[in-house]
């Protein structure tokens, strides 16, 4: 991630990877403030034989593209909606960037031809974790098997909620679910 403030979003990817017992390295590397470190980290990732990199960044969001420019490892970019809460008062209500994460999404998704980065939705680090698992599943059958179980669990969860909704009715269902 590009900044410590990104950790509140990026932990979603770590939770997914942890739930599948996938080892991962979590780092703060700023494309703008630590460019030499970024280059060193790309070399480290290559040397360590990483299979995929998840890079989250807000604002101009150069981290995913810059790391991708230094390696052939697939990079999944997580656009992060910048929260301007470092210098704001607790009474301030507008804590979000003027662009609501669109700046980050466009920066990550609109990479020049020849240097692609896959982008998930704004603040969707969990989806980046799942996408990384799909990449890994192509080489590791046990991960693919766990992913299939994960998808089946999601399927049965939706069916269970649907049955509960039918049983309770919408009004009671909402009151119970969103107390």
N, C-alpha and C. Protein backbone atom coordinates (compact mmCIF):
# COMPACT_ATOMS: atom_id res chain seq x y z
N UNK A 1 0.84 -1.19 0.00
CA UNK A 1 0.00 0.00 0.00
C UNK A 1 0.88 1.23 0.00
N UNK A 2 0.34 2.31 -0.50
CA UNK A 2 1.11 3.53 -0.64
C UNK A 2 1.24 4.35 0.62
N UNK A 3 0.35 4.11 1.60
CA UNK A 3 0.33 4.91 2.82
C UNK A 3 -0.29 4.09 3.94
N UNK A 4 0.08 4.41 5.18
CA UNK A 4 -0.50 3.68 6.31
C UNK A 4 -2.02 3.85 6.39
N UNK A 5 -2.52 4.98 5.89
CA UNK A 5 -3.97 5.18 5.93
C UNK A 5 -4.71 4.21 5.00
N UNK A 6 -4.00 3.64 4.03
CA UNK A 6 -4.60 2.65 3.13
C UNK A 6 -4.86 1.32 3.82
N UNK A 7 -4.24 1.12 4.97
CA UNK A 7 -4.35 -0.18 5.66
C UNK A 7 -5.79 -0.51 6.05
N UNK A 8 -6.60 0.49 6.32
CA UNK A 8 -7.99 0.22 6.72
C UNK A 8 -8.79 -0.39 5.56
N UNK A 9 -8.35 -0.20 4.34
CA UNK A 9 -8.98 -0.83 3.17
C UNK A 9 -8.25 -2.12 2.81
N UNK A 10 -6.92 -2.06 2.77
CA UNK A 10 -6.13 -3.19 2.29
C UNK A 10 -6.19 -4.41 3.20
N UNK A 11 -6.60 -4.23 4.44
CA UNK A 11 -6.69 -5.41 5.33
C UNK A 11 -7.71 -6.42 4.79
N UNK A 12 -8.63 -5.98 3.95
CA UNK A 12 -9.60 -6.90 3.35
C UNK A 12 -8.93 -7.97 2.50
N UNK A 13 -7.89 -7.58 1.76
CA UNK A 13 -7.14 -8.56 0.95
C UNK A 13 -6.40 -9.52 1.86
N UNK A 14 -5.78 -9.00 2.90
CA UNK A 14 -5.05 -9.84 3.85
C UNK A 14 -5.98 -10.85 4.53
N UNK A 15 -7.18 -10.41 4.88
CA UNK A 15 -8.14 -11.33 5.52
C UNK A 15 -8.50 -12.48 4.59
N UNK A 16 -8.72 -12.19 3.32
CA UNK A 16 -9.04 -13.25 2.35
C UNK A 16 -7.87 -14.22 2.23
N UNK A 17 -6.67 -13.68 2.02
CA UNK A 17 -5.49 -14.53 1.87
C UNK A 17 -5.25 -15.36 3.14
N UNK A 18 -5.42 -14.74 4.30
CA UNK A 18 -5.26 -15.47 5.57
C UNK A 18 -6.27 -16.60 5.68
N UNK A 19 -7.51 -16.35 5.25
CA UNK A 19 -8.56 -17.37 5.37
C UNK A 19 -8.27 -18.59 4.49
N UNK A 20 -7.42 -18.40 3.46
CA UNK A 20 -7.02 -19.49 2.59
C UNK A 20 -5.60 -19.99 2.93
N UNK A 21 -5.05 -19.47 4.04
CA UNK A 21 -3.69 -19.83 4.49
C UNK A 21 -2.63 -19.54 3.44
N UNK A 22 -2.77 -18.41 2.75
CA UNK A 22 -1.81 -18.00 1.74
C UNK A 22 -0.84 -16.99 2.38
N UNK A 23 0.45 -17.32 2.38
CA UNK A 23 1.41 -16.35 2.93
C UNK A 23 1.46 -15.10 2.06
N UNK A 24 1.64 -13.96 2.70
CA UNK A 24 1.72 -12.70 1.96
C UNK A 24 2.60 -11.73 2.72
N UNK A 25 3.11 -10.77 1.99
CA UNK A 25 3.95 -9.73 2.56
C UNK A 25 3.18 -8.43 2.50
N UNK A 26 3.11 -7.74 3.59
CA UNK A 26 2.39 -6.46 3.65
C UNK A 26 3.41 -5.35 3.87
N UNK A 27 3.40 -4.37 2.97
CA UNK A 27 4.39 -3.30 3.01
C UNK A 27 3.74 -1.95 2.72
N UNK A 28 4.39 -0.90 3.20
CA UNK A 28 4.03 0.47 2.81
C UNK A 28 5.16 0.96 1.93
N UNK A 29 4.83 1.22 0.67
CA UNK A 29 5.81 1.68 -0.31
C UNK A 29 5.14 2.79 -1.12
N UNK A 30 5.63 3.97 -0.98
CA UNK A 30 5.05 5.10 -1.70
C UNK A 30 5.75 5.31 -3.04
N UNK A 31 4.98 5.33 -4.10
CA UNK A 31 5.55 5.57 -5.43
C UNK A 31 6.18 6.96 -5.50
N UNK A 32 5.63 7.91 -4.77
CA UNK A 32 6.11 9.28 -4.83
C UNK A 32 7.15 9.61 -3.76
N UNK A 33 7.01 9.06 -2.57
CA UNK A 33 7.91 9.41 -1.47
C UNK A 33 9.09 8.46 -1.34
N UNK A 34 8.95 7.22 -1.85
CA UNK A 34 10.05 6.25 -1.75
C UNK A 34 10.26 5.53 -3.09
N UNK A 35 10.52 6.26 -4.17
CA UNK A 35 10.64 5.61 -5.48
C UNK A 35 11.77 4.59 -5.56
N UNK A 36 12.90 4.84 -4.88
CA UNK A 36 13.99 3.86 -4.91
C UNK A 36 13.57 2.58 -4.22
N UNK A 37 12.84 2.71 -3.12
CA UNK A 37 12.36 1.54 -2.39
C UNK A 37 11.40 0.73 -3.26
N UNK A 38 10.58 1.41 -4.03
CA UNK A 38 9.66 0.72 -4.93
C UNK A 38 10.44 -0.13 -5.93
N UNK A 39 11.47 0.42 -6.51
CA UNK A 39 12.30 -0.32 -7.46
C UNK A 39 12.95 -1.52 -6.77
N UNK A 40 13.48 -1.33 -5.57
CA UNK A 40 14.08 -2.42 -4.81
C UNK A 40 13.05 -3.50 -4.49
N UNK A 41 11.85 -3.08 -4.16
CA UNK A 41 10.82 -4.05 -3.81
C UNK A 41 10.42 -4.89 -5.03
N UNK A 42 10.35 -4.28 -6.18
CA UNK A 42 10.04 -5.03 -7.40
C UNK A 42 11.11 -6.09 -7.65
N UNK A 43 12.36 -5.74 -7.44
CA UNK A 43 13.45 -6.72 -7.59
C UNK A 43 13.31 -7.82 -6.54
N UNK A 44 12.98 -7.45 -5.32
CA UNK A 44 12.76 -8.43 -4.25
C UNK A 44 11.63 -9.39 -4.61
N UNK A 45 10.55 -8.85 -5.15
CA UNK A 45 9.40 -9.69 -5.52
C UNK A 45 9.80 -10.69 -6.61
N UNK A 46 10.56 -10.23 -7.59
CA UNK A 46 11.04 -11.12 -8.66
C UNK A 46 11.95 -12.21 -8.07
N UNK A 47 12.91 -11.80 -7.25
CA UNK A 47 13.86 -12.73 -6.65
C UNK A 47 13.16 -13.74 -5.74
N UNK A 48 12.13 -13.29 -5.05
CA UNK A 48 11.38 -14.16 -4.13
C UNK A 48 10.34 -15.01 -4.84
N UNK A 49 10.21 -14.82 -6.16
CA UNK A 49 9.29 -15.60 -6.99
C UNK A 49 7.82 -15.40 -6.60
N UNK A 50 7.47 -14.16 -6.30
CA UNK A 50 6.07 -13.85 -6.04
C UNK A 50 5.26 -14.24 -7.26
N UNK A 51 4.04 -14.68 -7.05
CA UNK A 51 3.16 -15.06 -8.15
C UNK A 51 2.21 -13.94 -8.54
N UNK A 52 1.93 -13.05 -7.60
CA UNK A 52 1.00 -11.95 -7.86
C UNK A 52 1.25 -10.86 -6.82
N UNK A 53 1.01 -9.62 -7.20
CA UNK A 53 1.16 -8.48 -6.29
C UNK A 53 -0.18 -7.75 -6.24
N UNK A 54 -0.63 -7.43 -5.04
CA UNK A 54 -1.81 -6.59 -4.85
C UNK A 54 -1.29 -5.24 -4.36
N UNK A 55 -1.59 -4.18 -5.09
CA UNK A 55 -1.10 -2.85 -4.74
C UNK A 55 -2.27 -1.89 -4.63
N UNK A 56 -2.44 -1.32 -3.47
CA UNK A 56 -3.52 -0.36 -3.25
C UNK A 56 -2.98 1.04 -3.10
N UNK A 57 -3.68 2.00 -3.70
CA UNK A 57 -3.25 3.39 -3.60
C UNK A 57 -4.42 4.31 -3.86
N UNK A 58 -4.36 5.48 -3.25
CA UNK A 58 -5.41 6.48 -3.44
C UNK A 58 -4.88 7.69 -4.19
N UNK A 59 -5.77 8.62 -4.46
CA UNK A 59 -5.38 9.83 -5.17
C UNK A 59 -4.91 9.51 -6.57
N UNK A 60 -3.71 9.96 -6.91
CA UNK A 60 -3.15 9.71 -8.24
C UNK A 60 -2.85 8.22 -8.45
N UNK A 61 -2.71 7.48 -7.37
CA UNK A 61 -2.61 6.01 -7.37
C UNK A 61 -1.56 5.46 -8.32
N UNK A 62 -0.36 5.94 -8.21
CA UNK A 62 0.71 5.49 -9.10
C UNK A 62 1.35 4.17 -8.68
N UNK A 63 1.16 3.74 -7.45
CA UNK A 63 1.85 2.55 -6.96
C UNK A 63 1.62 1.30 -7.81
N UNK A 64 0.39 0.92 -8.12
CA UNK A 64 0.20 -0.30 -8.92
C UNK A 64 0.90 -0.23 -10.28
N UNK A 65 0.76 0.87 -10.97
CA UNK A 65 1.38 1.01 -12.29
C UNK A 65 2.89 1.05 -12.22
N UNK A 66 3.41 1.73 -11.22
CA UNK A 66 4.86 1.81 -11.10
C UNK A 66 5.47 0.47 -10.73
N UNK A 67 4.83 -0.28 -9.85
CA UNK A 67 5.37 -1.60 -9.51
C UNK A 67 5.27 -2.51 -10.73
N UNK A 68 4.18 -2.39 -11.50
CA UNK A 68 4.03 -3.21 -12.71
C UNK A 68 5.09 -2.86 -13.75
N UNK A 69 5.52 -1.61 -13.78
CA UNK A 69 6.52 -1.21 -14.77
C UNK A 69 7.90 -1.79 -14.45
N UNK A 70 8.09 -2.27 -13.23
CA UNK A 70 9.37 -2.81 -12.81
C UNK A 70 9.41 -4.33 -12.74
N UNK A 71 8.31 -5.01 -13.11
CA UNK A 71 8.26 -6.46 -12.96
C UNK A 71 7.33 -7.09 -13.99
N UNK A 72 7.46 -8.39 -14.18
CA UNK A 72 6.53 -9.12 -15.04
C UNK A 72 5.47 -9.85 -14.22
N UNK A 73 5.53 -9.71 -12.91
CA UNK A 73 4.55 -10.33 -12.02
C UNK A 73 3.20 -9.63 -12.22
N UNK A 74 2.09 -10.39 -12.32
CA UNK A 74 0.78 -9.74 -12.43
C UNK A 74 0.50 -8.84 -11.23
N UNK A 75 -0.03 -7.65 -11.51
CA UNK A 75 -0.36 -6.70 -10.45
C UNK A 75 -1.86 -6.43 -10.46
N UNK A 76 -2.45 -6.54 -9.28
CA UNK A 76 -3.86 -6.20 -9.09
C UNK A 76 -3.89 -4.88 -8.33
N UNK A 77 -4.48 -3.87 -8.93
CA UNK A 77 -4.55 -2.56 -8.31
C UNK A 77 -5.86 -2.36 -7.57
N UNK A 78 -5.76 -1.84 -6.36
CA UNK A 78 -6.94 -1.50 -5.56
C UNK A 78 -7.02 0.01 -5.46
N UNK A 79 -7.95 0.63 -6.19
CA UNK A 79 -8.11 2.08 -6.05
C UNK A 79 -8.75 2.39 -4.70
N UNK A 80 -8.15 3.31 -3.99
CA UNK A 80 -8.62 3.64 -2.65
C UNK A 80 -9.16 5.06 -2.62
N UNK A 81 -10.36 5.18 -2.08
CA UNK A 81 -10.95 6.50 -1.92
C UNK A 81 -10.17 7.21 -0.81
N UNK A 82 -9.58 8.32 -1.14
CA UNK A 82 -8.76 9.05 -0.18
C UNK A 82 -9.66 9.67 0.88
N UNK A 83 -9.26 9.47 2.12
CA UNK A 83 -9.94 10.08 3.25
C UNK A 83 -9.07 11.22 3.73
N UNK A 84 -9.60 12.41 3.66
CA UNK A 84 -8.83 13.59 4.07
C UNK A 84 -8.99 13.83 5.57
N UNK A 85 -8.71 12.81 6.37
CA UNK A 85 -8.94 12.95 7.80
C UNK A 85 -7.67 13.19 8.60
N UNK A 86 -6.53 13.30 7.94
CA UNK A 86 -5.29 13.52 8.67
C UNK A 86 -5.22 14.93 9.25
N UNK A 87 -5.78 15.90 8.53
CA UNK A 87 -5.69 17.28 8.98
C UNK A 87 -7.05 17.89 9.27
N UNK A 88 -8.08 17.08 9.26
CA UNK A 88 -9.42 17.61 9.48
C UNK A 88 -9.83 17.46 10.94
N UNK A 89 -10.75 18.28 11.34
CA UNK A 89 -11.30 18.20 12.69
C UNK A 89 -12.37 17.12 12.74
N UNK A 90 -12.59 16.57 13.91
CA UNK A 90 -13.59 15.51 14.05
C UNK A 90 -14.99 15.99 13.72
N UNK A 91 -15.21 17.28 13.78
CA UNK A 91 -16.53 17.82 13.46
C UNK A 91 -16.76 17.98 11.97
N UNK A 92 -15.69 17.93 11.18
CA UNK A 92 -15.83 18.05 9.73
C UNK A 92 -16.55 16.83 9.18
N UNK A 93 -17.54 17.04 8.36
CA UNK A 93 -18.34 15.94 7.82
C UNK A 93 -17.82 15.43 6.48
N UNK A 94 -17.23 16.29 5.68
CA UNK A 94 -16.76 15.90 4.34
C UNK A 94 -15.31 15.45 4.43
N UNK A 95 -15.12 14.15 4.63
CA UNK A 95 -13.77 13.61 4.80
C UNK A 95 -13.25 12.93 3.54
N UNK A 96 -13.97 12.97 2.47
CA UNK A 96 -13.58 12.24 1.27
C UNK A 96 -12.99 13.17 0.23
N UNK A 97 -12.19 12.58 -0.65
CA UNK A 97 -11.60 13.37 -1.72
C UNK A 97 -12.69 13.92 -2.64
N UNK A 98 -12.33 14.92 -3.37
CA UNK A 98 -13.28 15.55 -4.27
C UNK A 98 -13.78 14.59 -5.34
N UNK A 99 -13.00 13.56 -5.66
CA UNK A 99 -13.35 12.67 -6.76
C UNK A 99 -13.91 11.33 -6.29
N UNK A 100 -14.00 11.10 -5.01
CA UNK A 100 -14.62 9.89 -4.48
C UNK A 100 -14.00 8.58 -4.93
N UNK A 101 -12.71 8.57 -5.22
CA UNK A 101 -12.04 7.35 -5.65
C UNK A 101 -11.96 7.18 -7.15
N UNK A 102 -12.71 7.99 -7.89
CA UNK A 102 -12.68 7.88 -9.35
C UNK A 102 -11.28 8.19 -9.90
N UNK A 103 -10.59 9.15 -9.28
CA UNK A 103 -9.23 9.47 -9.70
C UNK A 103 -8.32 8.25 -9.59
N UNK A 104 -8.43 7.52 -8.50
CA UNK A 104 -7.61 6.32 -8.29
C UNK A 104 -7.97 5.23 -9.28
N UNK A 105 -9.26 5.02 -9.47
CA UNK A 105 -9.73 3.98 -10.39
C UNK A 105 -9.21 4.24 -11.80
N UNK A 106 -9.35 5.48 -12.26
CA UNK A 106 -8.89 5.80 -13.61
C UNK A 106 -7.38 5.70 -13.73
N UNK A 107 -6.67 6.13 -12.72
CA UNK A 107 -5.21 6.06 -12.75
C UNK A 107 -4.73 4.61 -12.87
N UNK A 108 -5.38 3.71 -12.16
CA UNK A 108 -4.97 2.30 -12.18
C UNK A 108 -5.45 1.61 -13.46
N UNK A 109 -6.68 1.86 -13.85
CA UNK A 109 -7.25 1.12 -14.99
C UNK A 109 -6.77 1.64 -16.35
N UNK A 110 -6.32 2.86 -16.42
CA UNK A 110 -5.93 3.45 -17.70
C UNK A 110 -4.42 3.44 -17.91
N UNK A 111 -3.79 2.32 -17.62
CA UNK A 111 -2.35 2.19 -17.84
C UNK A 111 -2.05 2.20 -19.33
N UNK A 112 -0.86 2.68 -19.69
CA UNK A 112 -0.50 2.68 -21.11
C UNK A 112 -0.42 1.26 -21.67
N UNK A 113 -0.65 1.13 -22.96
CA UNK A 113 -0.53 -0.15 -23.63
C UNK A 113 0.86 -0.72 -23.38
N UNK A 114 0.89 -1.99 -23.02
CA UNK A 114 2.16 -2.66 -22.77
C UNK A 114 2.53 -2.76 -21.31
N UNK A 115 1.82 -2.06 -20.44
CA UNK A 115 2.10 -2.11 -19.00
C UNK A 115 0.80 -2.21 -18.23
N UNK A 116 0.05 -3.30 -18.43
CA UNK A 116 -1.29 -3.38 -17.82
C UNK A 116 -1.27 -3.69 -16.32
N UNK A 117 -2.31 -3.23 -15.67
CA UNK A 117 -2.61 -3.54 -14.28
C UNK A 117 -4.10 -3.88 -14.23
N UNK A 118 -4.44 -4.95 -13.56
CA UNK A 118 -5.86 -5.28 -13.36
C UNK A 118 -6.37 -4.39 -12.23
N UNK A 119 -7.55 -3.83 -12.39
CA UNK A 119 -8.12 -2.98 -11.34
C UNK A 119 -9.42 -3.58 -10.83
N UNK A 120 -9.57 -3.59 -9.52
CA UNK A 120 -10.85 -3.96 -8.91
C UNK A 120 -11.57 -2.66 -8.59
N UNK A 121 -12.75 -2.76 -8.04
CA UNK A 121 -13.52 -1.56 -7.71
C UNK A 121 -12.90 -0.77 -6.57
N UNK A 122 -13.34 0.46 -6.42
CA UNK A 122 -12.85 1.35 -5.37
C UNK A 122 -13.09 0.72 -4.00
N UNK A 123 -12.02 0.64 -3.23
CA UNK A 123 -12.02 0.08 -1.87
C UNK A 123 -12.36 -1.41 -1.82
N UNK A 124 -12.23 -2.12 -2.92
CA UNK A 124 -12.59 -3.55 -2.98
C UNK A 124 -11.35 -4.45 -2.83
N UNK A 125 -10.60 -4.26 -1.76
CA UNK A 125 -9.39 -5.06 -1.53
C UNK A 125 -9.72 -6.54 -1.38
N UNK A 126 -10.88 -6.86 -0.82
CA UNK A 126 -11.27 -8.27 -0.70
C UNK A 126 -11.36 -8.93 -2.07
N UNK A 127 -11.91 -8.20 -3.04
CA UNK A 127 -11.98 -8.73 -4.40
C UNK A 127 -10.58 -8.94 -4.98
N UNK A 128 -9.65 -8.07 -4.64
CA UNK A 128 -8.27 -8.26 -5.10
C UNK A 128 -7.70 -9.54 -4.52
N UNK A 129 -8.01 -9.81 -3.26
CA UNK A 129 -7.56 -11.06 -2.63
C UNK A 129 -8.13 -12.28 -3.34
N UNK A 130 -9.41 -12.23 -3.66
CA UNK A 130 -10.05 -13.35 -4.35
C UNK A 130 -9.47 -13.50 -5.76
N UNK A 131 -9.24 -12.39 -6.44
CA UNK A 131 -8.66 -12.48 -7.79
C UNK A 131 -7.25 -13.07 -7.74
N UNK A 132 -6.49 -12.69 -6.72
CA UNK A 132 -5.15 -13.27 -6.55
C UNK A 132 -5.25 -14.78 -6.35
N UNK A 133 -6.24 -15.21 -5.58
CA UNK A 133 -6.45 -16.65 -5.38
C UNK A 133 -6.79 -17.36 -6.69
N UNK A 134 -7.55 -16.70 -7.54
CA UNK A 134 -7.88 -17.29 -8.85
C UNK A 134 -6.63 -17.46 -9.70
N UNK A 135 -5.74 -16.47 -9.65
CA UNK A 135 -4.47 -16.58 -10.38
C UNK A 135 -3.67 -17.75 -9.82
N UNK A 136 -3.56 -17.81 -8.50
CA UNK A 136 -2.80 -18.89 -7.86
C UNK A 136 -3.44 -20.25 -8.10
N UNK A 137 -4.77 -20.28 -8.18
CA UNK A 137 -5.49 -21.53 -8.40
C UNK A 137 -5.15 -22.20 -9.71
N UNK A 138 -4.66 -21.43 -10.69
CA UNK A 138 -4.24 -22.02 -11.96
C UNK A 138 -3.00 -22.90 -11.81
N UNK A 139 -2.20 -22.64 -10.79
CA UNK A 139 -0.98 -23.42 -10.57
C UNK A 139 -1.08 -24.37 -9.37
N UNK A 140 -2.01 -24.09 -8.49
CA UNK A 140 -2.13 -24.88 -7.26
C UNK A 140 -3.56 -25.41 -7.13
N UNK A 141 -3.77 -26.68 -7.47
CA UNK A 141 -5.12 -27.27 -7.45
C UNK A 141 -5.82 -27.18 -6.09
N UNK A 142 -5.06 -27.23 -5.00
CA UNK A 142 -5.69 -27.16 -3.67
C UNK A 142 -6.33 -25.79 -3.44
N UNK A 143 -5.76 -24.74 -4.01
CA UNK A 143 -6.36 -23.41 -3.89
C UNK A 143 -7.63 -23.35 -4.73
N UNK A 144 -7.59 -23.92 -5.91
CA UNK A 144 -8.79 -23.95 -6.77
C UNK A 144 -9.93 -24.69 -6.08
N UNK A 145 -9.60 -25.79 -5.40
CA UNK A 145 -10.62 -26.56 -4.67
C UNK A 145 -11.23 -25.72 -3.55
N UNK A 146 -10.38 -25.01 -2.80
CA UNK A 146 -10.88 -24.14 -1.72
C UNK A 146 -11.75 -23.01 -2.28
N UNK A 147 -11.36 -22.47 -3.45
CA UNK A 147 -12.15 -21.42 -4.08
C UNK A 147 -13.53 -21.92 -4.47
N UNK A 148 -13.59 -23.14 -5.00
CA UNK A 148 -14.89 -23.72 -5.37
C UNK A 148 -15.77 -23.86 -4.14
N UNK A 149 -15.18 -24.28 -3.02
CA UNK A 149 -15.95 -24.40 -1.78
C UNK A 149 -16.42 -23.01 -1.32
N UNK A 150 -15.55 -22.02 -1.44
CA UNK A 150 -15.89 -20.65 -1.07
C UNK A 150 -17.09 -20.15 -1.88
N UNK A 151 -17.07 -20.40 -3.18
CA UNK A 151 -18.19 -19.99 -4.05
C UNK A 151 -19.47 -20.73 -3.67
N UNK A 152 -19.35 -22.03 -3.37
CA UNK A 152 -20.53 -22.79 -2.97
C UNK A 152 -21.08 -22.26 -1.64
N UNK A 153 -20.20 -21.92 -0.71
CA UNK A 153 -20.64 -21.35 0.57
C UNK A 153 -21.38 -20.04 0.36
N UNK A 154 -20.90 -19.21 -0.57
CA UNK A 154 -21.59 -17.96 -0.89
C UNK A 154 -22.99 -18.26 -1.45
N UNK A 155 -23.06 -19.22 -2.33
CA UNK A 155 -24.32 -19.63 -2.96
C UNK A 155 -25.33 -20.07 -1.88
N UNK A 156 -24.90 -20.96 -1.00
CA UNK A 156 -25.82 -21.46 0.03
C UNK A 156 -26.21 -20.36 1.01
N UNK A 157 -25.31 -19.42 1.26
CA UNK A 157 -25.62 -18.30 2.15
C UNK A 157 -26.74 -17.44 1.57
N UNK A 158 -26.69 -17.20 0.26
CA UNK A 158 -27.74 -16.41 -0.39
C UNK A 158 -29.08 -17.15 -0.34
N UNK A 159 -29.06 -18.45 -0.60
CA UNK A 159 -30.30 -19.23 -0.53
C UNK A 159 -30.89 -19.20 0.88
N UNK A 160 -30.03 -19.32 1.88
CA UNK A 160 -30.48 -19.30 3.27
C UNK A 160 -31.12 -17.95 3.61
N UNK A 161 -30.48 -16.86 3.19
CA UNK A 161 -31.04 -15.53 3.45
C UNK A 161 -32.36 -15.33 2.70
N UNK A 162 -32.45 -15.85 1.50
CA UNK A 162 -33.67 -15.74 0.73
C UNK A 162 -34.82 -16.46 1.42
N UNK A 163 -34.55 -17.64 1.94
CA UNK A 163 -35.58 -18.40 2.66
C UNK A 163 -36.01 -17.65 3.93
N UNK A 164 -35.04 -17.06 4.63
CA UNK A 164 -35.37 -16.30 5.83
C UNK A 164 -36.21 -15.08 5.48
N UNK A 165 -35.89 -14.42 4.37
CA UNK A 165 -36.66 -13.27 3.91
C UNK A 165 -38.10 -13.67 3.61
N UNK A 166 -38.28 -14.78 2.90
CA UNK A 166 -39.63 -15.26 2.58
C UNK A 166 -40.40 -15.58 3.86
N UNK A 167 -39.73 -16.19 4.81
CA UNK A 167 -40.38 -16.60 6.07
C UNK A 167 -40.79 -15.39 6.92
N UNK A 168 -39.89 -14.41 7.05
CA UNK A 168 -40.15 -13.26 7.92
C UNK A 168 -40.93 -12.14 7.25
N UNK A 169 -40.76 -11.99 5.94
CA UNK A 169 -41.28 -10.82 5.25
C UNK A 169 -40.21 -9.73 5.29
N UNK A 170 -40.28 -8.82 4.33
CA UNK A 170 -39.22 -7.83 4.16
C UNK A 170 -39.04 -6.93 5.38
N UNK A 171 -40.11 -6.44 5.95
CA UNK A 171 -40.01 -5.50 7.07
C UNK A 171 -39.30 -6.14 8.26
N UNK A 172 -39.72 -7.34 8.66
CA UNK A 172 -39.08 -8.02 9.80
C UNK A 172 -37.65 -8.44 9.46
N UNK A 173 -37.44 -8.87 8.23
CA UNK A 173 -36.10 -9.29 7.80
C UNK A 173 -35.11 -8.13 7.95
N UNK A 174 -35.50 -6.96 7.45
CA UNK A 174 -34.63 -5.78 7.52
C UNK A 174 -34.37 -5.37 8.96
N UNK A 175 -35.40 -5.38 9.78
CA UNK A 175 -35.22 -5.01 11.19
C UNK A 175 -34.27 -5.98 11.89
N UNK A 176 -34.38 -7.26 11.57
CA UNK A 176 -33.51 -8.26 12.20
C UNK A 176 -32.07 -8.14 11.68
N UNK A 177 -31.92 -7.98 10.39
CA UNK A 177 -30.60 -7.99 9.76
C UNK A 177 -29.83 -6.69 10.01
N UNK A 178 -30.51 -5.56 10.03
CA UNK A 178 -29.81 -4.27 10.12
C UNK A 178 -30.18 -3.49 11.39
N UNK A 179 -30.22 -4.17 12.48
CA UNK A 179 -30.54 -3.50 13.76
C UNK A 179 -29.56 -2.42 14.07
